[in-house]
């Protein structure tokens, strides 16, 4: 069997058949359709029950503010004791706890309502950057469109190869690469560091909605006899 590489395609030639293996890459530009962010609240207290009570109040506030305009998940928390060491002697100072949430929303006002609760004594909130992303619904739709485009290109390749080799060509295999590429279109971007806020004035800003390119690829094998 003889193997050739022509125009990025691997061609295996035997006495009975010619097999062409090639990579097909397709992409589509899209604007993100949903914003995401996350936040966590930390609290210090002499007792774990006081921390749990505060976290319960926050959870009830989030349940009350949740609407169709925002979806928040989380509520996982942890509580650990805090100690001070002095000349080898350990003294317990109290407890420290943290609870976190992740939210999806289309309007910044909805997220502001979620984080509008009043911080109590020894509490602090950490807000992560707000980013525009492609939602699962939109991504699934685009992935299906890209998959269909790969099928179309594969059928076109089959027909073209039939003419080139003057043989009957069939599609033997289509292997889709599992990884999905999300790439922002070239622009000047800025990044924000996590902000620690411990006051009642919590303001958020709406980030730039940068165009993204979603790419899908597959390896196809066409056999001509």
Protein backbone atom coordinates (compact mmCIF):
# COMPACT_ATOMS: atom_id res chain seq x y z
CA UNK A 1 0.00 0.00 0.00
CA UNK A 2 1.28 3.46 -0.89
CA UNK A 3 0.55 6.58 1.19
CA UNK A 4 0.67 10.13 -0.11
CA UNK A 5 -0.06 13.47 1.52
CA UNK A 6 -1.65 15.93 -0.91
CA UNK A 7 -3.18 19.26 0.12
CA UNK A 8 -3.32 18.29 3.83
CA UNK A 9 -5.20 15.04 3.07
CA UNK A 10 -3.81 11.57 3.75
CA UNK A 11 -4.29 9.30 0.71
CA UNK A 12 -3.79 5.55 1.07
CA UNK A 13 -3.63 3.71 -2.26
CA UNK A 14 -3.89 -0.05 -2.59
CA UNK A 15 -4.56 -2.34 -5.52
CA UNK A 16 -8.27 -2.45 -4.82
CA UNK A 17 -9.14 0.95 -3.34
CA UNK A 18 -8.03 4.48 -2.56
CA UNK A 19 -8.85 5.88 0.89
CA UNK A 20 -8.65 9.65 1.51
CA UNK A 21 -8.59 10.90 5.11
CA UNK A 22 -8.99 14.62 5.61
CA UNK A 23 -9.86 17.14 8.29
CA UNK A 24 -12.89 19.41 7.87
CA UNK A 25 -13.09 22.54 10.02
CA UNK A 26 -16.08 24.88 10.12
CA UNK A 27 -16.78 27.91 12.28
CA UNK A 28 -19.47 30.47 12.97
CA UNK A 29 -19.32 33.92 14.53
CA UNK A 30 -21.80 34.65 17.28
CA UNK A 31 -22.49 37.25 19.92
CA UNK A 32 -22.95 35.97 23.50
CA UNK A 33 -26.53 36.07 24.72
CA UNK A 34 -26.22 35.78 28.50
CA UNK A 35 -24.10 37.20 31.33
CA UNK A 36 -22.60 35.13 34.12
CA UNK A 37 -20.99 35.98 37.43
CA UNK A 38 -20.50 34.49 40.85
CA UNK A 39 -20.11 35.80 44.36
CA UNK A 40 -19.33 34.55 47.82
CA UNK A 41 -20.02 35.90 51.29
CA UNK A 42 -17.69 35.30 54.22
CA UNK A 43 -18.59 35.79 57.85
CA UNK A 44 -16.77 35.55 61.18
CA UNK A 45 -18.57 34.79 64.42
CA UNK A 46 -18.13 33.31 67.87
CA UNK A 47 -20.59 30.52 67.07
CA UNK A 48 -21.28 28.45 63.93
CA UNK A 49 -25.04 28.84 64.46
CA UNK A 50 -24.81 32.60 63.92
CA UNK A 51 -22.98 32.02 60.64
CA UNK A 52 -25.58 29.50 59.51
CA UNK A 53 -28.35 31.93 60.40
CA UNK A 54 -26.77 34.66 58.25
CA UNK A 55 -26.31 32.27 55.33
CA UNK A 56 -29.96 31.23 55.62
CA UNK A 57 -31.04 34.89 55.41
CA UNK A 58 -28.94 35.36 52.28
CA UNK A 59 -30.43 32.24 50.71
CA UNK A 60 -33.97 33.41 51.47
CA UNK A 61 -33.17 36.80 49.92
CA UNK A 62 -31.89 35.14 46.74
CA UNK A 63 -34.98 32.91 46.53
CA UNK A 64 -37.18 36.00 46.89
CA UNK A 65 -35.33 38.02 44.24
CA UNK A 66 -35.03 35.21 41.68
CA UNK A 67 -37.17 35.82 38.61
CA UNK A 68 -37.23 34.65 35.00
CA UNK A 69 -34.58 37.29 34.34
CA UNK A 70 -31.92 35.56 36.48
CA UNK A 71 -30.94 32.05 37.49
CA UNK A 72 -28.73 31.47 40.53
CA UNK A 73 -27.32 28.17 41.71
CA UNK A 74 -25.19 27.31 44.69
CA UNK A 75 -25.57 27.84 48.41
CA UNK A 76 -22.80 25.44 49.32
CA UNK A 77 -21.05 26.61 52.45
CA UNK A 78 -18.29 25.65 54.84
CA UNK A 79 -17.48 26.65 58.41
CA UNK A 80 -14.07 26.26 60.04
CA UNK A 81 -12.73 27.21 63.48
CA UNK A 82 -10.18 30.01 63.80
CA UNK A 83 -7.29 29.86 66.23
CA UNK A 84 -4.58 32.10 67.58
CA UNK A 85 -1.22 30.75 68.68
CA UNK A 86 0.72 32.54 71.43
CA UNK A 87 3.89 30.97 72.83
CA UNK A 88 2.76 27.56 71.68
CA UNK A 89 -0.65 27.93 73.28
CA UNK A 90 -3.65 27.62 70.97
CA UNK A 91 -6.70 29.76 71.66
CA UNK A 92 -9.88 29.51 69.61
CA UNK A 93 -11.07 32.91 68.43
CA UNK A 94 -14.31 31.79 66.83
CA UNK A 95 -15.45 30.54 63.44
CA UNK A 96 -15.20 31.59 59.81
CA UNK A 97 -17.65 30.58 57.10
CA UNK A 98 -18.20 31.12 53.40
CA UNK A 99 -21.14 30.59 51.01
CA UNK A 100 -21.09 31.02 47.23
CA UNK A 101 -23.50 31.35 44.29
CA UNK A 102 -23.24 31.44 40.50
CA UNK A 103 -25.79 33.43 38.48
CA UNK A 104 -26.88 33.73 34.84
CA UNK A 105 -28.79 36.80 33.68
CA UNK A 106 -29.48 39.03 30.70
CA UNK A 107 -29.93 42.33 32.52
CA UNK A 108 -27.45 43.78 34.98
CA UNK A 109 -30.29 45.09 37.15
CA UNK A 110 -31.38 41.54 37.97
CA UNK A 111 -27.91 40.72 39.35
CA UNK A 112 -27.82 43.98 41.31
CA UNK A 113 -31.11 42.98 42.97
CA UNK A 114 -29.63 39.63 43.97
CA UNK A 115 -26.59 41.16 45.67
CA UNK A 116 -28.55 44.02 47.29
CA UNK A 117 -28.77 42.36 50.72
CA UNK A 118 -27.36 44.32 53.65
CA UNK A 119 -24.13 42.95 55.03
CA UNK A 120 -24.07 42.24 58.76
CA UNK A 121 -21.22 42.63 61.22
CA UNK A 122 -18.06 40.76 60.23
CA UNK A 123 -19.41 39.94 56.76
CA UNK A 124 -17.80 40.65 53.39
CA UNK A 125 -18.85 39.90 49.83
CA UNK A 126 -16.51 38.93 46.99
CA UNK A 127 -17.80 39.66 43.48
CA UNK A 128 -16.22 37.94 40.50
CA UNK A 129 -16.10 39.67 37.09
CA UNK A 130 -19.26 39.69 34.98
CA UNK A 131 -18.77 38.14 31.55
CA UNK A 132 -20.90 37.63 28.47
CA UNK A 133 -21.03 33.97 27.35
CA UNK A 134 -22.85 31.85 24.81
CA UNK A 135 -25.76 30.11 26.53
CA UNK A 136 -26.18 26.33 26.35
CA UNK A 137 -29.32 26.75 24.24
CA UNK A 138 -27.58 28.94 21.66
CA UNK A 139 -24.46 26.79 21.68
CA UNK A 140 -26.44 23.59 21.06
CA UNK A 141 -28.18 25.25 18.13
CA UNK A 142 -24.89 26.41 16.58
CA UNK A 143 -23.21 23.05 17.18
CA UNK A 144 -26.00 21.34 15.26
CA UNK A 145 -25.67 23.83 12.40
CA UNK A 146 -21.90 23.29 12.26
CA UNK A 147 -22.35 19.52 12.33
CA UNK A 148 -24.78 19.74 9.41
CA UNK A 149 -22.26 21.89 7.53
CA UNK A 150 -19.57 19.24 8.03
CA UNK A 151 -21.93 16.60 6.64
CA UNK A 152 -22.58 18.79 3.59
CA UNK A 153 -18.86 19.36 3.00
CA UNK A 154 -18.21 15.64 3.38
CA UNK A 155 -20.84 14.80 0.75
CA UNK A 156 -19.32 17.43 -1.55
CA UNK A 157 -15.87 15.90 -1.02
CA UNK A 158 -17.26 12.46 -1.86
CA UNK A 159 -18.72 13.73 -5.15
CA UNK A 160 -15.56 15.66 -6.07
CA UNK A 161 -13.32 12.65 -5.40
CA UNK A 162 -15.56 10.45 -7.54
CA UNK A 163 -14.92 12.81 -10.45
CA UNK A 164 -11.17 13.14 -9.73
CA UNK A 165 -10.49 9.39 -9.52
CA UNK A 166 -13.28 8.41 -11.91
CA UNK A 167 -14.38 5.81 -9.39
CA UNK A 168 -17.34 5.11 -7.13
CA UNK A 169 -16.51 6.81 -3.83
CA UNK A 170 -18.28 6.23 -0.51
CA UNK A 171 -18.00 7.88 2.90
CA UNK A 172 -16.40 5.34 5.21
CA UNK A 173 -16.18 7.35 8.42
CA UNK A 174 -16.82 10.75 10.04
CA UNK A 175 -15.16 11.30 13.41
CA UNK A 176 -16.09 14.53 15.20
CA UNK A 177 -13.45 15.98 17.51
CA UNK A 178 -14.96 16.30 20.97
CA UNK A 179 -13.33 19.55 22.05
CA UNK A 180 -15.21 22.79 21.26
CA UNK A 181 -13.35 26.02 20.55
CA UNK A 182 -14.71 29.35 21.77
CA UNK A 183 -12.51 32.17 20.56
CA UNK A 184 -13.09 35.87 20.93
CA UNK A 185 -12.68 37.89 17.78
CA UNK A 186 -9.52 40.07 17.82
CA UNK A 187 -10.21 43.15 19.94
CA UNK A 188 -8.71 45.16 22.74
CA UNK A 189 -9.86 43.41 25.92
CA UNK A 190 -9.62 44.38 29.55
CA UNK A 191 -9.72 42.11 32.58
CA UNK A 192 -10.96 42.81 36.07
CA UNK A 193 -9.66 41.41 39.30
CA UNK A 194 -11.99 40.04 41.94
CA UNK A 195 -13.35 42.90 44.04
CA UNK A 196 -13.79 42.62 47.79
CA UNK A 197 -16.72 44.75 48.94
CA UNK A 198 -17.81 45.15 52.54
CA UNK A 199 -20.11 48.16 52.31
CA UNK A 200 -23.77 48.61 51.41
CA UNK A 201 -22.91 50.30 48.12
CA UNK A 202 -22.42 47.46 45.65
CA UNK A 203 -22.35 48.55 42.03
CA UNK A 204 -21.87 46.37 38.97
CA UNK A 205 -21.15 47.27 35.39
CA UNK A 206 -22.18 45.64 32.14
CA UNK A 207 -19.15 44.23 30.28
CA UNK A 208 -18.48 44.52 26.57
CA UNK A 209 -20.26 41.92 24.47
CA UNK A 210 -17.39 40.63 22.31
CA UNK A 211 -18.08 38.59 19.23
CA UNK A 212 -16.92 34.97 19.48
CA UNK A 213 -16.04 32.30 16.94
CA UNK A 214 -17.29 28.76 17.59
CA UNK A 215 -15.37 26.06 15.75
CA UNK A 216 -16.17 22.41 15.10
CA UNK A 217 -13.92 19.90 13.38
CA UNK A 218 -14.09 16.32 12.13
CA UNK A 219 -11.88 13.77 10.38
CA UNK A 220 -13.52 12.08 7.40
CA UNK A 221 -12.53 9.02 5.41
CA UNK A 222 -13.69 8.49 1.82
CA UNK A 223 -13.01 5.24 -0.03
CA UNK A 224 -12.89 5.11 -3.82
CA UNK A 225 -12.95 1.84 -5.75
